[in-house]
Amino acid sequence: MFNPILGELVARERFKDFIREAEQNQLANAVLARQPAHRFELTAALSDLLLTVRNLFKALAHAD
């Protein structure tokens, strides 16, 4: 025997679970998408720092 009220409650809970899972996947994808960008920013910053240090040493070497 099928209870329509119980069926509706089960369907609502399944829908809520589906929405929660979709939100978690969206948040996880957003975090994963940001990671390479942070690595690139760090690499670019280190590269700029190394270029600055190299230019500083070049300037000091030519000053003597």
N, C-alpha and C. Protein backbone atom coordinates (compact mmCIF):
# COMPACT_ATOMS: atom_id res chain seq x y z
N MET A 1 0.85 -1.18 0.00
CA MET A 1 0.00 0.00 0.00
C MET A 1 0.89 1.24 0.00
N PHE A 2 0.64 2.18 -0.92
CA PHE A 2 1.46 3.36 -1.10
C PHE A 2 0.83 4.55 -0.38
N ASN A 3 1.61 5.22 0.46
CA ASN A 3 1.15 6.39 1.19
C ASN A 3 1.62 7.63 0.43
N PRO A 4 0.71 8.42 -0.15
CA PRO A 4 1.12 9.58 -0.96
C PRO A 4 1.85 10.66 -0.14
N ILE A 5 1.49 10.82 1.11
CA ILE A 5 2.15 11.82 1.94
C ILE A 5 3.59 11.39 2.21
N LEU A 6 3.78 10.12 2.55
CA LEU A 6 5.12 9.61 2.77
C LEU A 6 5.96 9.69 1.49
N GLY A 7 5.34 9.39 0.37
CA GLY A 7 6.03 9.49 -0.92
C GLY A 7 6.48 10.91 -1.20
N GLU A 8 5.62 11.88 -0.89
CA GLU A 8 5.97 13.29 -1.09
C GLU A 8 7.11 13.71 -0.17
N LEU A 9 7.09 13.27 1.09
CA LEU A 9 8.17 13.59 2.02
C LEU A 9 9.50 12.99 1.55
N VAL A 10 9.47 11.78 1.07
CA VAL A 10 10.68 11.13 0.58
C VAL A 10 11.20 11.89 -0.65
N ALA A 11 10.31 12.27 -1.54
CA ALA A 11 10.71 13.01 -2.74
C ALA A 11 11.33 14.36 -2.37
N ARG A 12 10.77 15.04 -1.40
CA ARG A 12 11.32 16.33 -0.96
C ARG A 12 12.71 16.16 -0.35
N GLU A 13 12.88 15.13 0.47
CA GLU A 13 14.20 14.88 1.08
C GLU A 13 15.23 14.53 0.01
N ARG A 14 14.83 13.73 -0.98
CA ARG A 14 15.75 13.41 -2.07
C ARG A 14 16.14 14.67 -2.84
N PHE A 15 15.18 15.56 -3.07
CA PHE A 15 15.46 16.80 -3.78
C PHE A 15 16.41 17.68 -2.97
N LYS A 16 16.17 17.76 -1.65
CA LYS A 16 17.06 18.54 -0.79
C LYS A 16 18.48 17.97 -0.81
N ASP A 17 18.60 16.64 -0.76
CA ASP A 17 19.91 16.00 -0.85
C ASP A 17 20.58 16.31 -2.18
N PHE A 18 19.80 16.29 -3.26
CA PHE A 18 20.33 16.61 -4.59
C PHE A 18 20.85 18.04 -4.63
N ILE A 19 20.11 18.97 -4.05
CA ILE A 19 20.52 20.38 -4.02
C ILE A 19 21.78 20.54 -3.18
N ARG A 20 21.85 19.90 -2.01
CA ARG A 20 23.05 19.98 -1.17
C ARG A 20 24.27 19.44 -1.89
N GLU A 21 24.10 18.31 -2.56
CA GLU A 21 25.22 17.72 -3.29
C GLU A 21 25.68 18.63 -4.43
N ALA A 22 24.73 19.24 -5.13
CA ALA A 22 25.08 20.16 -6.21
C ALA A 22 25.83 21.38 -5.67
N GLU A 23 25.40 21.91 -4.53
CA GLU A 23 26.09 23.05 -3.92
C GLU A 23 27.50 22.67 -3.49
N GLN A 24 27.65 21.49 -2.90
CA GLN A 24 28.98 21.04 -2.49
C GLN A 24 29.89 20.85 -3.69
N ASN A 25 29.36 20.28 -4.77
CA ASN A 25 30.16 20.11 -5.99
C ASN A 25 30.56 21.46 -6.58
N GLN A 26 29.64 22.40 -6.54
CA GLN A 26 29.94 23.74 -7.07
C GLN A 26 31.03 24.41 -6.25
N LEU A 27 30.95 24.30 -4.92
CA LEU A 27 31.98 24.88 -4.06
C LEU A 27 33.33 24.18 -4.28
N ALA A 28 33.31 22.87 -4.40
CA ALA A 28 34.55 22.13 -4.62
C ALA A 28 35.17 22.52 -5.95
N ASN A 29 34.35 22.66 -6.98
CA ASN A 29 34.87 23.06 -8.30
C ASN A 29 35.44 24.46 -8.26
N ALA A 30 34.81 25.34 -7.50
CA ALA A 30 35.32 26.71 -7.38
C ALA A 30 36.68 26.72 -6.69
N VAL A 31 36.83 25.91 -5.65
CA VAL A 31 38.11 25.84 -4.94
C VAL A 31 39.18 25.27 -5.86
N LEU A 32 38.85 24.21 -6.58
CA LEU A 32 39.82 23.60 -7.48
C LEU A 32 40.19 24.54 -8.62
N ALA A 33 39.25 25.33 -9.08
CA ALA A 33 39.53 26.26 -10.17
C ALA A 33 40.46 27.38 -9.72
N ARG A 34 40.39 27.75 -8.46
CA ARG A 34 41.23 28.84 -7.95
C ARG A 34 42.66 28.41 -7.68
N GLN A 35 42.89 27.15 -7.43
CA GLN A 35 44.24 26.71 -7.05
C GLN A 35 45.29 27.01 -8.11
N PRO A 36 45.08 26.68 -9.37
CA PRO A 36 46.12 27.00 -10.35
C PRO A 36 46.37 28.50 -10.46
N ALA A 37 45.35 29.30 -10.28
CA ALA A 37 45.52 30.74 -10.35
C ALA A 37 46.45 31.22 -9.24
N HIS A 38 46.30 30.67 -8.04
CA HIS A 38 47.18 31.05 -6.93
C HIS A 38 48.61 30.63 -7.23
N ARG A 39 48.76 29.45 -7.79
CA ARG A 39 50.10 28.98 -8.11
C ARG A 39 50.73 29.89 -9.16
N PHE A 40 49.94 30.29 -10.15
CA PHE A 40 50.45 31.17 -11.19
C PHE A 40 50.84 32.52 -10.61
N GLU A 41 50.02 33.06 -9.72
CA GLU A 41 50.35 34.34 -9.09
C GLU A 41 51.63 34.24 -8.28
N LEU A 42 51.82 33.13 -7.58
CA LEU A 42 53.02 32.93 -6.80
C LEU A 42 54.23 32.82 -7.72
N THR A 43 54.09 32.07 -8.79
CA THR A 43 55.18 31.92 -9.74
C THR A 43 55.53 33.26 -10.36
N ALA A 44 54.54 34.02 -10.75
CA ALA A 44 54.78 35.33 -11.35
C ALA A 44 55.45 36.27 -10.34
N ALA A 45 55.02 36.23 -9.10
CA ALA A 45 55.61 37.09 -8.07
C ALA A 45 57.07 36.71 -7.82
N LEU A 46 57.35 35.41 -7.75
CA LEU A 46 58.73 34.98 -7.55
C LEU A 46 59.60 35.34 -8.75
N SER A 47 59.05 35.20 -9.93
CA SER A 47 59.79 35.56 -11.13
C SER A 47 60.12 37.05 -11.13
N ASP A 48 59.14 37.87 -10.80
CA ASP A 48 59.38 39.32 -10.72
C ASP A 48 60.42 39.66 -9.67
N LEU A 49 60.37 38.98 -8.54
CA LEU A 49 61.34 39.21 -7.47
C LEU A 49 62.75 38.84 -7.92
N LEU A 50 62.88 37.69 -8.59
CA LEU A 50 64.20 37.28 -9.08
C LEU A 50 64.74 38.25 -10.12
N LEU A 51 63.89 38.74 -11.01
CA LEU A 51 64.33 39.72 -12.00
C LEU A 51 64.79 41.01 -11.32
N THR A 52 64.09 41.42 -10.28
CA THR A 52 64.46 42.62 -9.56
C THR A 52 65.81 42.45 -8.88
N VAL A 53 66.03 41.31 -8.24
CA VAL A 53 67.31 41.04 -7.58
C VAL A 53 68.43 41.00 -8.62
N ARG A 54 68.19 40.35 -9.75
CA ARG A 54 69.21 40.27 -10.80
C ARG A 54 69.58 41.67 -11.31
N ASN A 55 68.57 42.49 -11.55
CA ASN A 55 68.83 43.85 -12.01
C ASN A 55 69.56 44.67 -10.95
N LEU A 56 69.26 44.44 -9.69
CA LEU A 56 69.95 45.12 -8.61
C LEU A 56 71.43 44.75 -8.59
N PHE A 57 71.72 43.46 -8.71
CA PHE A 57 73.12 43.03 -8.74
C PHE A 57 73.85 43.54 -9.98
N LYS A 58 73.15 43.60 -11.12
CA LYS A 58 73.78 44.16 -12.33
C LYS A 58 74.14 45.62 -12.10
N ALA A 59 73.21 46.36 -11.50
CA ALA A 59 73.46 47.77 -11.25
C ALA A 59 74.62 47.94 -10.27
N LEU A 60 74.70 47.11 -9.26
CA LEU A 60 75.80 47.19 -8.30
C LEU A 60 77.13 46.81 -8.94
N ALA A 61 77.11 45.85 -9.85
CA ALA A 61 78.34 45.44 -10.52
C ALA A 61 78.86 46.52 -11.44
N HIS A 62 77.96 47.25 -12.11
CA HIS A 62 78.37 48.33 -13.01
C HIS A 62 78.77 49.59 -12.24
N ALA A 63 78.33 49.72 -11.00
CA ALA A 63 78.64 50.92 -10.21
C ALA A 63 80.11 50.94 -9.80
N ASP A 64 80.75 49.77 -9.68
CA ASP A 64 82.17 49.74 -9.25
C ASP A 64 83.07 50.16 -10.30
